[in-house]
Amino acid sequence: PPFLLGVGTYNKDEYNNFVNTRILSIAQS
């Protein structure tokens, strides 16, 4: 999410979607 790089504001749903997609994708590999 862009807010992790200091752009925009924190969004809870976007953060949880980040876990479901990017994080779990690398973990699955």
PDB file of all heavy atoms in Angstrom:
ATOM      1  N   PRO A   1       0.833  -1.201   0.000  1.00  0.00           N
ATOM      2  CA  PRO A   1       0.000   0.000   0.000  1.00  0.00           C
ATOM      3  C   PRO A   1       0.871   1.255   0.000  1.00  0.00           C
ATOM      4  O   PRO A   1       1.908   1.291   0.667  1.00  0.00           O
ATOM      5  CB  PRO A   1      -0.794  -0.120   1.312  1.00  0.00           C
ATOM      6  CG  PRO A   1      -0.732  -1.569   1.678  1.00  0.00           C
ATOM      7  CD  PRO A   1       0.594  -2.052   1.183  1.00  0.00           C
ATOM      8  N   PRO A   2       0.485   2.293  -0.736  1.00  0.00           N
ATOM      9  CA  PRO A   2       1.295   3.518  -0.806  1.00  0.00           C
ATOM     10  C   PRO A   2       1.550   4.154   0.552  1.00  0.00           C
ATOM     11  O   PRO A   2       2.605   4.773   0.754  1.00  0.00           O
ATOM     12  CB  PRO A   2       0.460   4.445  -1.702  1.00  0.00           C
ATOM     13  CG  PRO A   2      -0.363   3.524  -2.541  1.00  0.00           C
ATOM     14  CD  PRO A   2      -0.679   2.363  -1.643  1.00  0.00           C
ATOM     15  N   PHE A   3       0.611   4.007   1.510  1.00  0.00           N
ATOM     16  CA  PHE A   3       0.815   4.670   2.803  1.00  0.00           C
ATOM     17  C   PHE A   3       1.991   4.071   3.570  1.00  0.00           C
ATOM     18  O   PHE A   3       2.538   4.710   4.470  1.00  0.00           O
ATOM     19  CB  PHE A   3      -0.464   4.644   3.653  1.00  0.00           C
ATOM     20  CG  PHE A   3      -1.034   3.281   3.920  1.00  0.00           C
ATOM     21  CD1 PHE A   3      -0.463   2.424   4.862  1.00  0.00           C
ATOM     22  CD2 PHE A   3      -2.153   2.846   3.240  1.00  0.00           C
ATOM     23  CE1 PHE A   3      -0.992   1.181   5.111  1.00  0.00           C
ATOM     24  CE2 PHE A   3      -2.692   1.590   3.467  1.00  0.00           C
ATOM     25  CZ  PHE A   3      -2.110   0.757   4.410  1.00  0.00           C
ATOM     26  N   LEU A   4       2.422   2.869   3.212  1.00  0.00           N
ATOM     27  CA  LEU A   4       3.607   2.302   3.848  1.00  0.00           C
ATOM     28  C   LEU A   4       4.882   3.002   3.386  1.00  0.00           C
ATOM     29  O   LEU A   4       5.926   2.895   4.029  1.00  0.00           O
ATOM     30  CB  LEU A   4       3.712   0.805   3.554  1.00  0.00           C
ATOM     31  CG  LEU A   4       2.648  -0.088   4.189  1.00  0.00           C
ATOM     32  CD1 LEU A   4       2.889  -1.550   3.821  1.00  0.00           C
ATOM     33  CD2 LEU A   4       2.624   0.068   5.705  1.00  0.00           C
ATOM     34  N   LEU A   5       4.789   3.736   2.274  1.00  0.00           N
ATOM     35  CA  LEU A   5       5.921   4.507   1.778  1.00  0.00           C
ATOM     36  C   LEU A   5       5.750   5.994   2.053  1.00  0.00           C
ATOM     37  O   LEU A   5       6.481   6.821   1.507  1.00  0.00           O
ATOM     38  CB  LEU A   5       6.105   4.288   0.269  1.00  0.00           C
ATOM     39  CG  LEU A   5       6.303   2.848  -0.199  1.00  0.00           C
ATOM     40  CD1 LEU A   5       6.633   2.818  -1.680  1.00  0.00           C
ATOM     41  CD2 LEU A   5       7.397   2.167   0.602  1.00  0.00           C
ATOM     42  N   GLY A   6       4.765   6.331   2.905  1.00  0.00           N
ATOM     43  CA  GLY A   6       4.579   7.726   3.284  1.00  0.00           C
ATOM     44  C   GLY A   6       3.696   8.519   2.355  1.00  0.00           C
ATOM     45  O   GLY A   6       3.707   9.756   2.394  1.00  0.00           O
ATOM     46  N   VAL A   7       2.915   7.849   1.503  1.00  0.00           N
ATOM     47  CA  VAL A   7       2.021   8.535   0.572  1.00  0.00           C
ATOM     48  C   VAL A   7       0.582   8.198   0.925  1.00  0.00           C
ATOM     49  O   VAL A   7       0.206   7.023   0.965  1.00  0.00           O
ATOM     50  CB  VAL A   7       2.307   8.126  -0.887  1.00  0.00           C
ATOM     51  CG1 VAL A   7       1.343   8.841  -1.832  1.00  0.00           C
ATOM     52  CG2 VAL A   7       3.744   8.448  -1.255  1.00  0.00           C
ATOM     53  N   GLY A   8      -0.233   9.220   1.170  1.00  0.00           N
ATOM     54  CA  GLY A   8      -1.631   8.983   1.508  1.00  0.00           C
ATOM     55  C   GLY A   8      -1.819   8.619   2.974  1.00  0.00           C
ATOM     56  O   GLY A   8      -0.893   8.687   3.779  1.00  0.00           O
ATOM     57  N   THR A   9      -3.034   8.233   3.306  1.00  0.00           N
ATOM     58  CA  THR A   9      -3.390   7.916   4.684  1.00  0.00           C
ATOM     59  C   THR A   9      -3.657   6.422   4.849  1.00  0.00           C
ATOM     60  O   THR A   9      -3.966   5.714   3.879  1.00  0.00           O
ATOM     61  CB  THR A   9      -4.645   8.699   5.111  1.00  0.00           C
ATOM     62  OG1 THR A   9      -5.722   8.393   4.212  1.00  0.00           O
ATOM     63  CG2 THR A   9      -4.367  10.198   5.076  1.00  0.00           C
ATOM     64  N   TYR A  10      -3.543   5.978   6.088  1.00  0.00           N
ATOM     65  CA  TYR A  10      -3.723   4.553   6.384  1.00  0.00           C
ATOM     66  C   TYR A  10      -5.155   4.122   6.115  1.00  0.00           C
ATOM     67  O   TYR A  10      -6.118   4.832   6.418  1.00  0.00           O
ATOM     68  CB  TYR A  10      -3.378   4.283   7.842  1.00  0.00           C
ATOM     69  CG  TYR A  10      -3.665   2.871   8.281  1.00  0.00           C
ATOM     70  CD1 TYR A  10      -2.798   1.840   7.977  1.00  0.00           C
ATOM     71  CD2 TYR A  10      -4.829   2.569   8.989  1.00  0.00           C
ATOM     72  CE1 TYR A  10      -3.060   0.534   8.365  1.00  0.00           C
ATOM     73  CE2 TYR A  10      -5.105   1.277   9.389  1.00  0.00           C
ATOM     74  CZ  TYR A  10      -4.219   0.265   9.075  1.00  0.00           C
ATOM     75  OH  TYR A  10      -4.485  -1.020   9.453  1.00  0.00           O
ATOM     76  N   ASN A  11      -5.293   2.954   5.513  1.00  0.00           N
ATOM     77  CA  ASN A  11      -6.604   2.380   5.239  1.00  0.00           C
ATOM     78  C   ASN A  11      -6.606   0.930   5.702  1.00  0.00           C
ATOM     79  O   ASN A  11      -5.809   0.111   5.231  1.00  0.00           O
ATOM     80  CB  ASN A  11      -6.921   2.468   3.741  1.00  0.00           C
ATOM     81  CG  ASN A  11      -8.308   1.955   3.408  1.00  0.00           C
ATOM     82  OD1 ASN A  11      -8.552   0.756   3.363  1.00  0.00           O
ATOM     83  ND2 ASN A  11      -9.232   2.883   3.165  1.00  0.00           N
ATOM     84  N   LYS A  12      -7.483   0.625   6.629  1.00  0.00           N
ATOM     85  CA  LYS A  12      -7.522  -0.704   7.235  1.00  0.00           C
ATOM     86  C   LYS A  12      -7.830  -1.796   6.223  1.00  0.00           C
ATOM     87  O   LYS A  12      -7.164  -2.846   6.184  1.00  0.00           O
ATOM     88  CB  LYS A  12      -8.553  -0.716   8.359  1.00  0.00           C
ATOM     89  CG  LYS A  12      -8.746  -2.071   9.025  1.00  0.00           C
ATOM     90  CD  LYS A  12      -9.821  -1.986  10.098  1.00  0.00           C
ATOM     91  CE  LYS A  12     -10.114  -3.343  10.689  1.00  0.00           C
ATOM     92  NZ  LYS A  12     -11.163  -3.281  11.724  1.00  0.00           N
ATOM     93  N   ASP A  13      -8.823  -1.575   5.377  1.00  0.00           N
ATOM     94  CA  ASP A  13      -9.200  -2.586   4.392  1.00  0.00           C
ATOM     95  C   ASP A  13      -8.070  -2.823   3.389  1.00  0.00           C
ATOM     96  O   ASP A  13      -7.816  -3.957   2.980  1.00  0.00           O
ATOM     97  CB  ASP A  13     -10.472  -2.158   3.655  1.00  0.00           C
ATOM     98  CG  ASP A  13     -11.687  -2.139   4.560  1.00  0.00           C
ATOM     99  OD1 ASP A  13     -11.682  -2.876   5.566  1.00  0.00           O
ATOM    100  OD2 ASP A  13     -12.635  -1.385   4.269  1.00  0.00           O
ATOM    101  N   GLU A  14      -7.399  -1.740   2.997  1.00  0.00           N
ATOM    102  CA  GLU A  14      -6.281  -1.881   2.059  1.00  0.00           C
ATOM    103  C   GLU A  14      -5.133  -2.659   2.698  1.00  0.00           C
ATOM    104  O   GLU A  14      -4.467  -3.466   2.041  1.00  0.00           O
ATOM    105  CB  GLU A  14      -5.806  -0.489   1.621  1.00  0.00           C
ATOM    106  CG  GLU A  14      -4.798  -0.516   0.487  1.00  0.00           C
ATOM    107  CD  GLU A  14      -4.449   0.872  -0.010  1.00  0.00           C
ATOM    108  OE1 GLU A  14      -4.975   1.860   0.556  1.00  0.00           O
ATOM    109  OE2 GLU A  14      -3.640   0.983  -0.957  1.00  0.00           O
ATOM    110  N   TYR A  15      -4.913  -2.424   3.987  1.00  0.00           N
ATOM    111  CA  TYR A  15      -3.854  -3.145   4.700  1.00  0.00           C
ATOM    112  C   TYR A  15      -4.175  -4.642   4.771  1.00  0.00           C
ATOM    113  O   TYR A  15      -3.316  -5.485   4.491  1.00  0.00           O
ATOM    114  CB  TYR A  15      -3.697  -2.578   6.106  1.00  0.00           C
ATOM    115  CG  TYR A  15      -2.737  -3.359   6.971  1.00  0.00           C
ATOM    116  CD1 TYR A  15      -1.368  -3.135   6.913  1.00  0.00           C
ATOM    117  CD2 TYR A  15      -3.207  -4.350   7.833  1.00  0.00           C
ATOM    118  CE1 TYR A  15      -0.484  -3.868   7.692  1.00  0.00           C
ATOM    119  CE2 TYR A  15      -2.334  -5.083   8.610  1.00  0.00           C
ATOM    120  CZ  TYR A  15      -0.975  -4.838   8.543  1.00  0.00           C
ATOM    121  OH  TYR A  15      -0.103  -5.567   9.316  1.00  0.00           O
ATOM    122  N   ASN A  16      -5.402  -4.989   5.161  1.00  0.00           N
ATOM    123  CA  ASN A  16      -5.779  -6.405   5.251  1.00  0.00           C
ATOM    124  C   ASN A  16      -5.741  -7.085   3.885  1.00  0.00           C
ATOM    125  O   ASN A  16      -5.393  -8.265   3.778  1.00  0.00           O
ATOM    126  CB  ASN A  16      -7.170  -6.535   5.870  1.00  0.00           C
ATOM    127  CG  ASN A  16      -7.169  -6.250   7.366  1.00  0.00           C
ATOM    128  OD1 ASN A  16      -6.153  -6.401   8.039  1.00  0.00           O
ATOM    129  ND2 ASN A  16      -8.296  -5.809   7.890  1.00  0.00           N
ATOM    130  N   ASN A  17      -6.099  -6.332   2.839  1.00  0.00           N
ATOM    131  CA  ASN A  17      -5.999  -6.891   1.487  1.00  0.00           C
ATOM    132  C   ASN A  17      -4.543  -7.125   1.108  1.00  0.00           C
ATOM    133  O   ASN A  17      -4.221  -8.097   0.403  1.00  0.00           O
ATOM    134  CB  ASN A  17      -6.652  -5.933   0.489  1.00  0.00           C
ATOM    135  CG  ASN A  17      -6.668  -6.496  -0.919  1.00  0.00           C
ATOM    136  OD1 ASN A  17      -7.270  -7.533  -1.201  1.00  0.00           O
ATOM    137  ND2 ASN A  17      -5.991  -5.806  -1.836  1.00  0.00           N
ATOM    138  N   PHE A  18      -3.654  -6.263   1.582  1.00  0.00           N
ATOM    139  CA  PHE A  18      -2.209  -6.434   1.377  1.00  0.00           C
ATOM    140  C   PHE A  18      -1.734  -7.742   1.997  1.00  0.00           C
ATOM    141  O   PHE A  18      -0.935  -8.477   1.411  1.00  0.00           O
ATOM    142  CB  PHE A  18      -1.496  -5.224   1.979  1.00  0.00           C
ATOM    143  CG  PHE A  18      -0.015  -5.376   2.162  1.00  0.00           C
ATOM    144  CD1 PHE A  18       0.815  -5.671   1.094  1.00  0.00           C
ATOM    145  CD2 PHE A  18       0.555  -5.198   3.415  1.00  0.00           C
ATOM    146  CE1 PHE A  18       2.186  -5.798   1.270  1.00  0.00           C
ATOM    147  CE2 PHE A  18       1.916  -5.321   3.604  1.00  0.00           C
ATOM    148  CZ  PHE A  18       2.737  -5.620   2.522  1.00  0.00           C
ATOM    149  N   VAL A  19      -2.257  -8.069   3.179  1.00  0.00           N
ATOM    150  CA  VAL A  19      -1.908  -9.339   3.832  1.00  0.00           C
ATOM    151  C   VAL A  19      -2.426 -10.515   3.010  1.00  0.00           C
ATOM    152  O   VAL A  19      -1.704 -11.495   2.768  1.00  0.00           O
ATOM    153  CB  VAL A  19      -2.483  -9.392   5.263  1.00  0.00           C
ATOM    154  CG1 VAL A  19      -2.231 -10.763   5.886  1.00  0.00           C
ATOM    155  CG2 VAL A  19      -1.869  -8.300   6.121  1.00  0.00           C
ATOM    156  N   ASN A  20      -3.672 -10.409   2.545  1.00  0.00           N
ATOM    157  CA  ASN A  20      -4.290 -11.520   1.814  1.00  0.00           C
ATOM    158  C   ASN A  20      -3.651 -11.778   0.458  1.00  0.00           C
ATOM    159  O   ASN A  20      -3.685 -12.906  -0.045  1.00  0.00           O
ATOM    160  CB  ASN A  20      -5.781 -11.249   1.610  1.00  0.00           C
ATOM    161  CG  ASN A  20      -6.582 -11.445   2.882  1.00  0.00           C
ATOM    162  OD1 ASN A  20      -6.243 -12.285   3.709  1.00  0.00           O
ATOM    163  ND2 ASN A  20      -7.642 -10.666   3.040  1.00  0.00           N
ATOM    164  N   THR A  21      -3.082 -10.749  -0.142  1.00  0.00           N
ATOM    165  CA  THR A  21      -2.540 -10.892  -1.491  1.00  0.00           C
ATOM    166  C   THR A  21      -1.017 -10.989  -1.478  1.00  0.00           C
ATOM    167  O   THR A  21      -0.457 -12.064  -1.638  1.00  0.00           O
ATOM    168  CB  THR A  21      -3.006  -9.725  -2.378  1.00  0.00           C
ATOM    169  OG1 THR A  21      -2.654  -8.465  -1.744  1.00  0.00           O
ATOM    170  CG2 THR A  21      -4.507  -9.774  -2.571  1.00  0.00           C
ATOM    171  N   ARG A  22      -0.362  -9.886  -1.282  1.00  0.00           N
ATOM    172  CA  ARG A  22       1.091  -9.861  -1.424  1.00  0.00           C
ATOM    173  C   ARG A  22       1.810 -10.730  -0.392  1.00  0.00           C
ATOM    174  O   ARG A  22       2.676 -11.543  -0.734  1.00  0.00           O
ATOM    175  CB  ARG A  22       1.586  -8.417  -1.307  1.00  0.00           C
ATOM    176  CG  ARG A  22       3.080  -8.247  -1.570  1.00  0.00           C
ATOM    177  CD  ARG A  22       3.415  -8.729  -2.944  1.00  0.00           C
ATOM    178  NE  ARG A  22       4.790  -8.420  -3.314  1.00  0.00           N
ATOM    179  CZ  ARG A  22       5.493  -9.140  -4.159  1.00  0.00           C
ATOM    180  NH1 ARG A  22       4.962 -10.224  -4.699  1.00  0.00           N
ATOM    181  NH2 ARG A  22       6.718  -8.798  -4.473  1.00  0.00           N
ATOM    182  N   ILE A  23       1.447 -10.578   0.874  1.00  0.00           N
ATOM    183  CA  ILE A  23       2.147 -11.308   1.937  1.00  0.00           C
ATOM    184  C   ILE A  23       1.908 -12.812   1.817  1.00  0.00           C
ATOM    185  O   ILE A  23       2.856 -13.616   1.840  1.00  0.00           O
ATOM    186  CB  ILE A  23       1.707 -10.807   3.327  1.00  0.00           C
ATOM    187  CG1 ILE A  23       2.070  -9.325   3.494  1.00  0.00           C
ATOM    188  CG2 ILE A  23       2.353 -11.638   4.421  1.00  0.00           C
ATOM    189  CD1 ILE A  23       3.543  -9.026   3.363  1.00  0.00           C
ATOM    190  N   LEU A  24       0.663 -13.215   1.659  1.00  0.00           N
ATOM    191  CA  LEU A  24       0.366 -14.646   1.578  1.00  0.00           C
ATOM    192  C   LEU A  24       0.863 -15.262   0.278  1.00  0.00           C
ATOM    193  O   LEU A  24       1.147 -16.456   0.226  1.00  0.00           O
ATOM    194  CB  LEU A  24      -1.138 -14.878   1.740  1.00  0.00           C
ATOM    195  CG  LEU A  24      -1.696 -14.602   3.140  1.00  0.00           C
ATOM    196  CD1 LEU A  24      -3.164 -15.012   3.225  1.00  0.00           C
ATOM    197  CD2 LEU A  24      -0.887 -15.345   4.201  1.00  0.00           C
ATOM    198  N   SER A  25       0.986 -14.450  -0.784  1.00  0.00           N
ATOM    199  CA  SER A  25       1.521 -14.963  -2.038  1.00  0.00           C
ATOM    200  C   SER A  25       2.987 -15.375  -1.873  1.00  0.00           C
ATOM    201  O   SER A  25       3.388 -16.461  -2.311  1.00  0.00           O
ATOM    202  CB  SER A  25       1.398 -13.899  -3.136  1.00  0.00           C
ATOM    203  OG  SER A  25       2.019 -14.334  -4.326  1.00  0.00           O
ATOM    204  N   ILE A  26       3.781 -14.528  -1.235  1.00  0.00           N
ATOM    205  CA  ILE A  26       5.187 -14.868  -0.991  1.00  0.00           C
ATOM    206  C   ILE A  26       5.283 -16.032  -0.010  1.00  0.00           C
ATOM    207  O   ILE A  26       6.096 -16.947  -0.183  1.00  0.00           O
ATOM    208  CB  ILE A  26       5.941 -13.641  -0.455  1.00  0.00           C
ATOM    209  CG1 ILE A  26       5.994 -12.550  -1.530  1.00  0.00           C
ATOM    210  CG2 ILE A  26       7.355 -14.011  -0.010  1.00  0.00           C
ATOM    211  CD1 ILE A  26       6.660 -11.274  -1.090  1.00  0.00           C
ATOM    212  N   ALA A  27       4.444 -16.011   1.029  1.00  0.00           N
ATOM    213  CA  ALA A  27       4.452 -17.102   2.009  1.00  0.00           C
ATOM    214  C   ALA A  27       4.101 -18.431   1.355  1.00  0.00           C
ATOM    215  O   ALA A  27       4.697 -19.471   1.671  1.00  0.00           O
ATOM    216  CB  ALA A  27       3.467 -16.794   3.133  1.00  0.00           C
ATOM    217  N   GLN A  28       3.147 -18.417   0.450  1.00  0.00           N
ATOM    218  CA  GLN A  28       2.754 -19.658  -0.224  1.00  0.00           C
ATOM    219  C   GLN A  28       3.896 -20.204  -1.070  1.00  0.00           C
ATOM    220  O   GLN A  28       4.131 -21.425  -1.115  1.00  0.00           O
ATOM    221  CB  GLN A  28       1.521 -19.415  -1.093  1.00  0.00           C
ATOM    222  CG  GLN A  28       0.936 -20.686  -1.689  1.00  0.00           C
ATOM    223  CD  GLN A  28      -0.336 -20.422  -2.468  1.00  0.00           C
ATOM    224  OE1 GLN A  28      -0.413 -19.487  -3.253  1.00  0.00           O
ATOM    225  NE2 GLN A  28      -1.358 -21.244  -2.256  1.00  0.00           N
ATOM    226  N   SER A  29       4.621 -19.316  -1.741  1.00  0.00           N
ATOM    227  CA  SER A  29       5.767 -19.752  -2.537  1.00  0.00           C
ATOM    228  C   SER A  29       6.825 -20.419  -1.653  1.00  0.00           C
ATOM    229  O   SER A  29       7.403 -21.447  -2.035  1.00  0.00           O
ATOM    230  CB  SER A  29       6.375 -18.556  -3.272  1.00  0.00           C
ATOM    231  OG  SER A  29       7.535 -18.918  -3.975  1.00  0.00           O
TER     232      SER A  29
END
